Amino acid sequence: MKHLFLTIILNTCCILVFAQNFIDTSKVWSVASFGFDGSNWMPPKSKYLQFKGDTLIDNRIYAKLCSSDNREKQGWRIRSFMREETDGKVYTRFTGGYEFLCYDFNLQINDDYYRDGYLELRVDSISIKPFGNRNLKYIFLSTPEEPSIATIWIEGVGAWNSTPDESCPFMLAGGVDKLICFEEQGELIYHNTTYSGCFINSAESIQNSDELVRVFSPGSEWIVVQIHAPDTQPGTFSLYTPIGKRILKCPLTAPETTLCAPGTGLYLYRFVSEKGGVQSGKVVVE
């Protein structure tokens, strides 16, 4: 009888913890984006993200992920298209682009995550932890080549310190997109209490005491990387396409390094210092 009672309890807990779909029109993400103009950090800009309706692309049904930069959640525009399979895989595509795997919430410990055929992340551990007022599954991942670079996937929510779609796990801690609030079915599930509300106005500033490098493009042919803090140790600089494919990786030892840009457009970068500090962000080459 005791064994039966324990089995019922365990089964109930599993249902409560793991029944988490990612795509749901009742979910709203509030995200603050911080930009860098080449000399200074710009004030944060808030945006809301929410799935709104479906569309058919290449005979597959995708949910339309829309964004709004209006405090009253008005003026929605399509940001990307996403679909979710029953095995926990979530796929993303942009207008005119191809589909790529964004998340796989059924990965197990030591499983690998590939993007465009490249090994990008490996699962280090999995645990159940509080997320706001709920207990959700956390998947802790790191890059095999550089274990100090790590990220967290939260089932049903997405990558920590990342928007749900724009490059997925590649905007790591230290990046420019920060999750401020998360709502589901009209209930506030999570709130980053560093901020007073879920919508940040331009008067709120970002603290940059941990800024490691400054990355900017002075023209269409160059990307300049400046080691910002005098005591920052040399490190490794990587450049990625907007969908997370690495196109450049090189060591940085000088206070300022000028790199040949692969072309005009938006790129993601990641810097890892020898001390283990990590900074990620975006750079636009025009």
Protein backbone atom coordinates (compact mmCIF):
# COMPACT_ATOMS: atom_id res chain seq x y z
CA MET A 1 0.00 0.00 0.00
CA LYS A 2 2.85 2.39 0.85
CA HIS A 3 4.55 1.54 -2.44
CA LEU A 4 1.35 2.31 -4.37
CA PHE A 5 0.92 5.63 -2.54
CA LEU A 6 4.52 6.65 -3.32
CA THR A 7 4.07 5.74 -7.00
CA ILE A 8 1.00 7.96 -7.25
CA ILE A 9 2.90 10.90 -5.70
CA LEU A 10 5.87 10.50 -8.06
CA ASN A 11 3.67 10.26 -11.14
CA THR A 12 1.77 13.37 -10.12
CA CYS A 13 5.01 15.33 -9.63
CA CYS A 14 6.31 14.30 -13.04
CA ILE A 15 3.15 15.58 -14.71
CA LEU A 16 3.38 18.92 -12.91
CA VAL A 17 7.04 19.48 -13.76
CA PHE A 18 7.46 18.23 -17.31
CA ALA A 19 4.19 19.15 -19.08
CA GLN A 20 5.60 22.35 -20.59
CA ASN A 21 4.98 23.35 -24.22
CA PHE A 22 7.11 26.17 -25.58
CA ILE A 23 4.73 27.56 -28.19
CA ASP A 24 1.58 28.91 -26.55
CA THR A 25 -0.39 32.04 -27.46
CA SER A 26 -1.03 32.72 -23.75
CA LYS A 27 2.70 33.33 -23.08
CA VAL A 28 4.24 36.81 -23.13
CA TRP A 29 7.97 37.53 -22.83
CA SER A 30 9.13 40.99 -21.78
CA VAL A 31 12.71 41.59 -22.91
CA ALA A 32 15.11 44.52 -22.53
CA SER A 33 17.61 45.03 -25.35
CA PHE A 34 20.83 46.92 -24.76
CA GLY A 35 22.75 48.30 -27.75
CA PHE A 36 26.30 49.62 -28.16
CA ASP A 37 26.95 52.40 -30.70
CA GLY A 38 30.72 51.92 -30.83
CA SER A 39 31.48 54.38 -28.04
CA ASN A 40 28.76 54.08 -25.43
CA TRP A 41 26.02 51.77 -24.25
CA MET A 42 22.65 53.06 -25.40
CA PRO A 43 19.63 53.15 -23.06
CA PRO A 44 17.67 49.88 -22.91
CA LYS A 45 14.67 49.35 -25.14
CA SER A 46 11.78 47.16 -24.07
CA LYS A 47 9.82 44.82 -26.27
CA TYR A 48 7.13 42.23 -25.74
CA LEU A 49 7.11 38.89 -27.56
CA GLN A 50 4.04 36.73 -28.09
CA PHE A 51 2.82 34.04 -30.49
CA LYS A 52 -0.09 35.30 -32.56
CA GLY A 53 -1.72 32.91 -35.01
CA ASP A 54 -0.34 30.39 -37.48
CA THR A 55 0.82 30.39 -41.08
CA LEU A 56 1.68 27.74 -43.67
CA ILE A 57 5.24 27.70 -45.06
CA ASP A 58 6.55 24.87 -47.26
CA ASN A 59 3.57 22.72 -46.23
CA ARG A 60 4.37 23.11 -42.53
CA ILE A 61 2.38 25.02 -39.94
CA TYR A 62 4.38 27.67 -38.07
CA ALA A 63 3.38 29.90 -35.19
CA LYS A 64 4.01 33.60 -35.83
CA LEU A 65 6.20 35.10 -33.10
CA CYS A 66 5.41 38.81 -32.97
CA SER A 67 7.02 41.70 -31.12
CA SER A 68 5.76 45.04 -29.81
CA ASP A 69 7.79 47.94 -28.44
CA ASN A 70 4.64 49.61 -27.09
CA ARG A 71 4.01 49.69 -23.34
CA GLU A 72 0.32 48.93 -23.95
CA LYS A 73 1.21 45.90 -26.12
CA GLN A 74 -0.03 47.43 -29.36
CA GLY A 75 1.40 47.58 -32.87
CA TRP A 76 2.51 43.94 -33.14
CA ARG A 77 4.74 42.91 -36.05
CA ILE A 78 6.02 39.52 -37.13
CA ARG A 79 9.52 38.73 -35.88
CA SER A 80 9.99 35.08 -36.92
CA PHE A 81 8.21 31.76 -37.41
CA MET A 82 8.50 28.79 -35.06
CA ARG A 83 7.13 25.27 -34.80
CA GLU A 84 7.30 22.65 -32.06
CA GLU A 85 7.29 18.87 -32.38
CA THR A 86 6.01 16.37 -29.84
CA ASP A 87 9.58 15.20 -29.08
CA GLY A 88 10.53 18.56 -27.55
CA LYS A 89 12.30 20.02 -30.59
CA VAL A 90 11.59 23.66 -31.48
CA TYR A 91 12.46 24.98 -34.94
CA THR A 92 12.84 28.58 -36.14
CA ARG A 93 12.95 30.32 -39.49
CA PHE A 94 12.99 33.95 -40.59
CA THR A 95 11.26 35.46 -43.61
CA GLY A 96 12.99 34.12 -46.71
CA GLY A 97 15.33 31.95 -44.63
CA TYR A 98 15.69 28.25 -43.98
CA GLU A 99 14.58 26.30 -40.92
CA PHE A 100 17.03 25.45 -38.14
CA LEU A 101 16.80 23.69 -34.79
CA CYS A 102 16.48 26.19 -31.98
CA TYR A 103 15.87 24.04 -28.89
CA ASP A 104 15.67 20.38 -27.99
CA PHE A 105 14.16 20.10 -24.51
CA ASN A 106 14.44 16.30 -24.47
CA LEU A 107 18.23 16.24 -24.52
CA GLN A 108 19.85 14.12 -21.81
CA ILE A 109 23.12 14.51 -19.92
CA ASN A 110 26.16 14.30 -22.27
CA ASP A 111 23.94 14.72 -25.36
CA ASP A 112 25.22 17.07 -28.06
CA TYR A 113 23.41 19.95 -29.73
CA TYR A 114 24.31 20.61 -33.37
CA ARG A 115 23.59 23.67 -35.51
CA ASP A 116 24.13 23.40 -39.28
CA GLY A 117 26.26 20.30 -38.72
CA TYR A 118 28.53 21.99 -36.16
CA LEU A 119 28.78 20.79 -32.58
CA GLU A 120 27.89 23.85 -30.50
CA LEU A 121 26.70 22.70 -27.06
CA ARG A 122 26.79 19.66 -24.79
CA VAL A 123 24.47 18.95 -21.86
CA ASP A 124 26.33 19.05 -18.54
CA SER A 125 23.43 18.54 -16.15
CA ILE A 126 19.65 18.68 -15.80
CA SER A 127 17.68 19.67 -12.74
CA ILE A 128 14.30 20.88 -11.53
CA LYS A 129 14.48 24.42 -10.18
CA PRO A 130 12.05 27.22 -9.35
CA PHE A 131 11.26 29.67 -12.12
CA GLY A 132 9.18 32.38 -10.51
CA ASN A 133 6.35 30.53 -8.79
CA ARG A 134 6.78 27.28 -10.75
CA ASN A 135 9.19 24.36 -10.83
CA LEU A 136 10.58 23.84 -14.34
CA LYS A 137 13.24 21.73 -15.98
CA TYR A 138 16.61 23.46 -16.39
CA ILE A 139 19.09 22.12 -18.95
CA PHE A 140 22.67 23.31 -18.36
CA LEU A 141 24.86 23.32 -21.47
CA SER A 142 28.38 24.42 -22.39
CA THR A 143 30.62 24.39 -25.45
CA PRO A 144 33.07 21.44 -25.54
CA GLU A 145 35.84 23.65 -26.96
CA GLU A 146 35.39 26.40 -24.37
CA PRO A 147 33.67 25.00 -21.25
CA SER A 148 33.61 28.46 -19.64
CA ILE A 149 30.96 29.43 -22.21
CA ALA A 150 27.68 28.13 -20.86
CA THR A 151 23.96 28.70 -21.18
CA ILE A 152 20.73 27.43 -19.67
CA TRP A 153 17.58 26.23 -21.41
CA ILE A 154 14.39 26.38 -19.38
CA GLU A 155 11.67 24.08 -20.68
CA GLY A 156 8.72 26.09 -21.90
CA VAL A 157 10.58 29.41 -21.56
CA GLY A 158 13.72 29.29 -23.70
CA ALA A 159 17.37 30.25 -23.26
CA TRP A 160 18.34 32.28 -20.23
CA ASN A 161 19.25 35.90 -21.08
CA SER A 162 17.96 35.43 -24.62
CA THR A 163 14.95 36.15 -26.71
CA PRO A 164 12.98 33.00 -27.60
CA ASP A 165 13.96 33.03 -31.27
CA GLU A 166 16.81 35.30 -32.29
CA SER A 167 19.81 32.94 -32.34
CA CYS A 168 18.52 30.81 -29.47
CA PRO A 169 21.30 29.61 -27.15
CA PHE A 170 23.98 31.77 -28.74
CA MET A 171 23.03 34.94 -26.89
CA LEU A 172 24.63 33.87 -23.64
CA ALA A 173 24.93 35.54 -20.23
CA GLY A 174 26.55 38.91 -20.77
CA GLY A 175 24.66 39.43 -24.00
CA VAL A 176 22.42 42.34 -24.87
CA ASP A 177 18.95 40.79 -24.45
CA LYS A 178 17.67 40.28 -20.92
CA LEU A 179 14.44 38.59 -19.86
CA ILE A 180 12.55 40.96 -17.57
CA CYS A 181 9.14 39.30 -17.17
CA PHE A 182 7.35 36.15 -18.26
CA GLU A 183 3.57 35.79 -18.26
CA GLU A 184 1.30 32.85 -18.98
CA GLN A 185 -2.50 32.93 -19.18
CA GLY A 186 -2.48 36.46 -17.77
CA GLU A 187 -0.45 35.44 -14.68
CA LEU A 188 2.98 36.93 -13.98
CA ILE A 189 5.22 33.88 -13.55
CA TYR A 190 8.64 35.56 -13.41
CA HIS A 191 9.86 39.11 -12.76
CA ASN A 192 13.49 40.23 -12.67
CA THR A 193 13.22 42.43 -9.59
CA THR A 194 16.27 44.43 -10.66
CA TYR A 195 13.70 46.41 -12.61
CA SER A 196 10.61 48.02 -11.12
CA GLY A 197 8.27 46.92 -13.89
CA CYS A 198 8.00 44.75 -16.99
CA PHE A 199 8.52 47.64 -19.41
CA ILE A 200 11.76 49.61 -19.15
CA ASN A 201 11.83 53.24 -20.20
CA SER A 202 14.88 54.92 -21.71
CA ALA A 203 15.76 56.63 -18.42
CA GLU A 204 16.89 53.37 -16.85
CA SER A 205 20.57 52.70 -17.43
CA ILE A 206 22.70 49.60 -17.69
CA GLN A 207 25.58 48.91 -15.35
CA ASN A 208 28.77 48.27 -17.33
CA SER A 209 31.29 47.53 -14.60
CA ASP A 210 31.76 44.04 -16.06
CA GLU A 211 32.17 45.14 -19.69
CA LEU A 212 35.15 43.28 -21.17
CA VAL A 213 35.37 44.49 -24.76
CA ARG A 214 33.92 47.07 -27.13
CA VAL A 215 33.07 45.85 -30.63
CA PHE A 216 32.11 48.16 -33.51
CA SER A 217 32.46 48.59 -37.25
CA PRO A 218 33.97 51.82 -38.62
CA GLY A 219 33.11 50.83 -42.19
CA SER A 220 32.02 48.05 -44.52
CA GLU A 221 35.37 46.25 -44.46
CA TRP A 222 36.38 46.21 -40.80
CA ILE A 223 35.37 45.15 -37.31
CA VAL A 224 37.28 46.68 -34.41
CA VAL A 225 37.57 44.91 -31.05
CA GLN A 226 38.88 46.96 -28.11
CA ILE A 227 39.78 45.33 -24.79
CA HIS A 228 37.95 47.79 -22.59
CA ALA A 229 39.23 47.28 -19.04
CA PRO A 230 43.00 47.79 -18.56
CA ASP A 231 43.28 44.70 -16.37
CA THR A 232 41.25 42.46 -18.69
CA GLN A 233 43.24 39.41 -19.67
CA PRO A 234 43.60 38.41 -23.35
CA GLY A 235 40.98 36.04 -24.64
CA THR A 236 39.26 34.49 -27.64
CA PHE A 237 36.91 36.34 -30.00
CA SER A 238 34.31 34.51 -32.12
CA LEU A 239 31.96 35.89 -34.76
CA TYR A 240 28.66 34.27 -35.78
CA THR A 241 25.96 34.74 -38.38
CA PRO A 242 22.48 35.72 -37.08
CA ILE A 243 21.49 32.03 -37.00
CA GLY A 244 24.50 31.06 -34.90
CA LYS A 245 26.98 29.65 -37.45
CA ARG A 246 30.52 30.50 -36.42
CA ILE A 247 32.53 32.17 -39.19
CA LEU A 248 35.53 33.50 -37.28
CA LYS A 249 37.52 32.56 -34.19
CA CYS A 250 40.78 34.20 -33.19
CA PRO A 251 42.86 35.04 -30.08
CA LEU A 252 43.00 38.64 -28.86
CA THR A 253 46.16 39.86 -27.13
CA ALA A 254 46.47 43.54 -28.15
CA PRO A 255 44.45 46.40 -26.60
CA GLU A 256 42.83 46.93 -30.03
CA THR A 257 42.45 44.49 -32.92
CA THR A 258 41.09 45.25 -36.40
CA LEU A 259 39.51 42.31 -38.21
CA CYS A 260 38.43 41.96 -41.83
CA ALA A 261 34.63 41.90 -41.96
CA PRO A 262 33.06 39.00 -43.91
CA GLY A 263 30.56 41.40 -45.48
CA THR A 264 27.84 43.86 -44.56
CA GLY A 265 25.03 42.85 -42.22
CA LEU A 266 24.26 41.89 -38.63
CA TYR A 267 26.65 39.60 -36.74
CA LEU A 268 26.79 38.11 -33.26
CA TYR A 269 30.02 38.02 -31.32
CA ARG A 270 31.34 36.24 -28.24
CA PHE A 271 34.47 37.10 -26.23
CA VAL A 272 35.90 34.79 -23.56
CA SER A 273 38.76 36.10 -21.44
CA GLU A 274 41.50 33.87 -20.06
CA LYS A 275 40.00 34.49 -16.61
CA GLY A 276 36.73 32.93 -17.77
CA GLY A 277 34.72 36.15 -18.26
CA VAL A 278 32.15 36.02 -21.07
CA GLN A 279 30.59 38.80 -23.11
CA SER A 280 28.26 38.42 -26.09
CA GLY A 281 26.55 40.97 -28.26
CA LYS A 282 25.75 42.23 -31.74
CA VAL A 283 27.69 44.28 -34.29
CA VAL A 284 26.35 45.79 -37.51
CA VAL A 285 28.63 46.19 -40.52
CA GLU A 286 27.32 48.81 -42.97
